[in-house]
Amino acid sequence: MHQSQTTGATPPFDNLAARRMREALGMAHGHVAYSLRASYGLAYVTPDTVAAWERGQLAPSSAEVTALAGALWCAPSELLGAAQTLREHRLAHGLATQDFARAVGVEHAAYVRMEESGAWQGNERQSEALAELLRLGARDFTAVTGRKDRLAELLRSAVTARWEGYVRPVLKLVPLERATVEDVLDRLYGEYHTRMVATLSWGGTESGAGHSGREFLEGIVDEFWELVGPAGD
């Protein structure tokens, strides 16, 4: 059995979906392998390779997923699991890096560097184009562009200090209305301090209050998006 012969990160392949697609078309592993060789030039792909993909023993590369989607008459996104990274979202839309970079208005080499690092550096216009092209809500946009950790830092500082000074920094990370961010930061601040006071009021110790506070801070990004509600989708 030959291994995949392309380089680069493996996309989140849904092996069970690939099997369902093939069986729905009444194709055997050999039929798929033949199509990949004849139509897409993947001469090294054998029926055993296709079977290994479906069993999860091997994971196809991004180029192989695109070719497999063509052989199975489906979109690449139908063969992928839930996309998490910028690369995975791009692959789910079946876009080459050159086409994607052009669509969002970024020089190709610069885009490739951003995708590989997981840190989006585009300006506001390019970020809007990115979100529109990938159909990302504010929450997914923040995660895909590698801003989640920075958002967590800002939120923790906002609830332990004066939240008003963190509105603008948060707005630079998340595509939300200012009023929404102000309201959510205010509520997070209130919730954090209410927990701290309540722990002590119930006869808890300072260490107990500290534990409750740390627990809240650890999940603060999820708390933030929960309060944002539908505006983050």
Protein backbone atom coordinates (compact mmCIF):
# COMPACT_ATOMS: atom_id res chain seq x y z
CA MET A 1 0.00 0.00 0.00
CA HIS A 2 1.37 3.41 -0.93
CA GLN A 3 1.36 6.32 1.49
CA SER A 4 -0.05 9.69 0.47
CA GLN A 5 2.59 11.40 -1.64
CA THR A 6 1.79 15.05 -1.05
CA THR A 7 3.13 17.35 1.60
CA GLY A 8 1.44 19.80 3.93
CA ALA A 9 -1.00 19.50 6.81
CA THR A 10 -3.71 16.89 6.60
CA PRO A 11 -7.24 18.31 6.54
CA PRO A 12 -9.86 17.01 9.05
CA PHE A 13 -10.97 14.10 6.85
CA ASP A 14 -14.33 12.44 7.59
CA ASN A 15 -13.61 8.84 6.66
CA LEU A 16 -17.14 7.62 7.38
CA ALA A 17 -18.61 10.26 5.08
CA ALA A 18 -16.27 9.13 2.30
CA ARG A 19 -17.47 5.56 2.70
CA ARG A 20 -21.14 6.61 2.66
CA MET A 21 -20.59 8.68 -0.47
CA ARG A 22 -18.88 5.80 -2.28
CA GLU A 23 -21.49 3.24 -1.31
CA ALA A 24 -24.33 5.58 -2.31
CA LEU A 25 -22.82 5.72 -5.79
CA GLY A 26 -22.46 1.94 -5.92
CA MET A 27 -18.71 2.22 -6.42
CA ALA A 28 -16.07 -0.23 -5.20
CA HIS A 29 -12.69 0.87 -3.87
CA GLY A 30 -11.21 -0.05 -7.23
CA HIS A 31 -13.58 2.24 -9.10
CA VAL A 32 -12.58 5.19 -6.93
CA ALA A 33 -8.88 4.41 -7.27
CA TYR A 34 -9.19 4.16 -11.04
CA SER A 35 -10.95 7.54 -11.20
CA LEU A 36 -8.25 9.16 -9.08
CA ARG A 37 -5.54 7.74 -11.32
CA ALA A 38 -7.22 8.39 -14.67
CA SER A 39 -8.84 11.76 -14.02
CA TYR A 40 -6.59 13.34 -11.40
CA GLY A 41 -3.17 11.84 -12.07
CA LEU A 42 -2.84 10.17 -8.67
CA ALA A 43 -1.05 7.14 -10.11
CA TYR A 44 0.03 5.85 -6.71
CA VAL A 45 -3.53 5.49 -5.34
CA THR A 46 -4.68 1.85 -5.17
CA PRO A 47 -7.93 0.27 -3.96
CA ASP A 48 -6.10 -0.49 -0.69
CA THR A 49 -5.27 3.21 -0.32
CA VAL A 50 -8.93 4.18 -0.67
CA ALA A 51 -9.94 1.48 1.80
CA ALA A 52 -7.33 2.71 4.29
CA TRP A 53 -8.70 6.25 4.00
CA GLU A 54 -12.18 4.99 4.81
CA ARG A 55 -10.97 2.97 7.79
CA GLY A 56 -9.05 5.93 9.18
CA GLN A 57 -5.72 4.15 8.82
CA LEU A 58 -4.44 6.79 6.41
CA ALA A 59 -5.51 10.41 6.01
CA PRO A 60 -5.57 11.93 2.52
CA SER A 61 -3.76 15.20 1.88
CA SER A 62 -5.63 18.33 0.86
CA ALA A 63 -4.97 17.65 -2.83
CA GLU A 64 -6.19 14.08 -2.44
CA VAL A 65 -9.37 15.21 -0.66
CA THR A 66 -10.12 17.58 -3.54
CA ALA A 67 -9.57 14.80 -6.07
CA LEU A 68 -11.59 12.31 -4.04
CA ALA A 69 -14.48 14.76 -3.87
CA GLY A 70 -14.41 14.96 -7.66
CA ALA A 71 -14.42 11.18 -7.98
CA LEU A 72 -17.37 10.92 -5.56
CA TRP A 73 -19.31 13.80 -7.15
CA CYS A 74 -19.47 15.85 -3.98
CA ALA A 75 -18.01 19.04 -2.53
CA PRO A 76 -14.73 18.80 -0.59
CA SER A 77 -16.55 20.14 2.47
CA GLU A 78 -18.72 17.00 2.51
CA LEU A 79 -15.60 14.89 3.15
CA LEU A 80 -14.24 17.03 5.97
CA GLY A 81 -15.00 17.16 9.66
CA ALA A 82 -15.68 20.39 11.51
CA ALA A 83 -13.14 22.96 10.34
CA GLN A 84 -11.15 24.67 13.09
CA THR A 85 -8.21 26.43 11.46
CA LEU A 86 -7.95 28.91 8.61
CA ARG A 87 -6.42 26.20 6.42
CA GLU A 88 -9.26 23.78 7.20
CA HIS A 89 -11.94 26.35 6.44
CA ARG A 90 -10.26 27.15 3.12
CA LEU A 91 -10.06 23.47 2.24
CA ALA A 92 -13.71 22.99 3.17
CA HIS A 93 -14.58 25.58 0.54
CA GLY A 94 -12.41 23.85 -2.04
CA LEU A 95 -10.20 26.89 -2.63
CA ALA A 96 -6.53 26.90 -3.58
CA THR A 97 -4.27 29.28 -1.65
CA GLN A 98 -3.75 31.46 -4.73
CA ASP A 99 -7.49 31.87 -5.32
CA PHE A 100 -8.20 32.46 -1.65
CA ALA A 101 -5.47 35.08 -1.28
CA ARG A 102 -6.73 36.91 -4.36
CA ALA A 103 -10.32 36.87 -3.12
CA VAL A 104 -9.46 38.45 0.24
CA GLY A 105 -6.96 40.91 -1.25
CA VAL A 106 -3.77 39.53 0.30
CA GLU A 107 -0.46 38.84 -1.46
CA HIS A 108 -0.14 35.09 -1.93
CA ALA A 109 3.15 34.54 -0.08
CA ALA A 110 1.91 36.65 2.84
CA TYR A 111 -1.31 34.65 3.03
CA VAL A 112 0.57 31.33 3.04
CA ARG A 113 2.69 32.57 5.96
CA MET A 114 -0.41 33.60 7.89
CA GLU A 115 -2.11 30.27 7.24
CA GLU A 116 0.95 28.31 8.34
CA SER A 117 1.38 30.36 11.51
CA GLY A 118 -2.32 30.40 12.32
CA ALA A 119 -2.15 34.15 12.95
CA TRP A 120 -4.21 36.32 10.63
CA GLN A 121 -2.63 39.75 10.00
CA GLY A 122 -5.03 41.21 7.44
CA ASN A 123 -6.43 44.73 7.74
CA GLU A 124 -10.08 45.53 8.44
CA ARG A 125 -11.15 45.33 4.78
CA GLN A 126 -9.32 42.05 4.24
CA SER A 127 -10.76 40.65 7.46
CA GLU A 128 -14.27 41.49 6.31
CA ALA A 129 -13.58 39.77 2.99
CA LEU A 130 -12.24 36.72 4.84
CA ALA A 131 -15.30 36.44 7.07
CA GLU A 132 -17.66 36.87 4.12
CA LEU A 133 -15.84 34.36 1.90
CA LEU A 134 -15.76 31.70 4.62
CA ARG A 135 -19.20 32.68 5.98
CA LEU A 136 -17.82 33.08 9.49
CA GLY A 137 -19.67 34.57 12.41
CA ALA A 138 -17.78 36.67 14.96
CA ARG A 139 -17.03 33.70 17.23
CA ASP A 140 -15.67 31.47 14.45
CA PHE A 141 -13.77 34.39 12.93
CA THR A 142 -11.96 35.00 16.22
CA ALA A 143 -10.97 31.34 16.55
CA VAL A 144 -9.98 30.86 12.90
CA THR A 145 -7.75 33.93 12.86
CA GLY A 146 -5.81 32.81 15.95
CA ARG A 147 -7.16 35.54 18.22
CA LYS A 148 -8.81 33.41 20.89
CA ASP A 149 -5.86 33.39 23.31
CA ARG A 150 -5.40 37.15 23.06
CA LEU A 151 -9.13 37.64 23.62
CA ALA A 152 -8.93 35.50 26.76
CA GLU A 153 -6.07 37.66 28.09
CA LEU A 154 -8.03 40.86 27.52
CA LEU A 155 -11.22 39.49 29.09
CA ARG A 156 -9.39 38.32 32.19
CA SER A 157 -7.82 41.71 32.61
CA ALA A 158 -11.14 43.45 31.98
CA VAL A 159 -13.00 41.64 34.76
CA THR A 160 -10.20 41.92 37.31
CA ALA A 161 -9.55 45.64 36.68
CA ARG A 162 -11.78 48.32 35.12
CA TRP A 163 -13.52 46.84 32.09
CA GLU A 164 -14.08 50.21 30.38
CA GLY A 165 -10.43 50.42 29.38
CA TYR A 166 -10.64 47.14 27.42
CA VAL A 167 -13.51 47.92 25.09
CA ARG A 168 -11.34 49.20 22.24
CA PRO A 169 -8.73 46.40 22.46
CA VAL A 170 -11.51 43.79 22.36
CA LEU A 171 -13.16 45.51 19.41
CA LYS A 172 -9.89 45.20 17.48
CA LEU A 173 -10.14 41.42 17.84
CA VAL A 174 -13.83 40.70 17.38
CA PRO A 175 -16.20 42.06 14.68
CA LEU A 176 -18.96 43.16 17.03
CA GLU A 177 -20.83 46.38 17.75
CA ARG A 178 -19.32 48.59 20.45
CA ALA A 179 -22.54 48.58 22.46
CA THR A 180 -22.54 44.79 22.51
CA VAL A 181 -18.96 44.59 23.77
CA GLU A 182 -19.59 47.23 26.44
CA ASP A 183 -22.66 45.39 27.70
CA VAL A 184 -20.94 42.00 27.78
CA LEU A 185 -17.80 43.28 29.52
CA ASP A 186 -19.94 45.00 32.14
CA ARG A 187 -21.88 41.79 32.76
CA LEU A 188 -18.74 39.66 32.92
CA TYR A 189 -17.21 42.08 35.41
CA GLY A 190 -20.33 41.90 37.55
CA GLU A 191 -20.51 38.12 37.40
CA TYR A 192 -16.88 37.68 38.35
CA HIS A 193 -17.07 39.94 41.39
CA THR A 194 -20.44 38.54 42.45
CA ARG A 195 -18.89 35.07 42.54
CA MET A 196 -15.95 36.25 44.57
CA VAL A 197 -18.15 38.02 47.14
CA ALA A 198 -20.69 35.19 47.28
CA THR A 199 -18.01 32.59 48.05
CA LEU A 200 -16.86 34.60 51.06
CA SER A 201 -20.44 35.37 52.14
CA TRP A 202 -21.25 31.65 52.23
CA GLY A 203 -18.50 31.11 54.75
CA GLY A 204 -15.83 30.34 52.23
CA THR A 205 -12.19 31.23 52.61
CA GLU A 206 -10.11 33.53 50.48
CA SER A 207 -8.58 30.45 48.87
CA GLY A 208 -12.10 29.21 48.09
CA ALA A 209 -13.00 32.52 46.50
CA GLY A 210 -9.76 32.37 44.56
CA HIS A 211 -10.63 28.93 43.23
CA SER A 212 -14.08 30.11 42.13
CA GLY A 213 -12.51 33.13 40.45
CA ARG A 214 -9.90 31.04 38.63
CA GLU A 215 -12.58 28.67 37.41
CA PHE A 216 -14.55 31.58 35.99
CA LEU A 217 -11.48 33.09 34.34
CA GLU A 218 -10.51 29.79 32.73
CA GLY A 219 -13.83 29.62 30.90
CA ILE A 220 -14.19 33.33 30.28
CA VAL A 221 -14.07 33.15 26.47
CA ASP A 222 -17.03 30.77 26.43
CA GLU A 223 -18.81 33.01 28.94
CA PHE A 224 -18.16 35.98 26.66
CA TRP A 225 -19.71 34.33 23.60
CA GLU A 226 -22.61 33.00 25.64
CA LEU A 227 -23.48 36.55 26.64
CA VAL A 228 -22.93 37.86 23.11
CA GLY A 229 -25.58 35.42 21.94
CA PRO A 230 -26.82 35.34 18.32
CA ALA A 231 -24.66 38.34 17.39
CA GLY A 232 -21.64 36.04 17.56
CA ASP A 233 -22.99 33.41 15.17
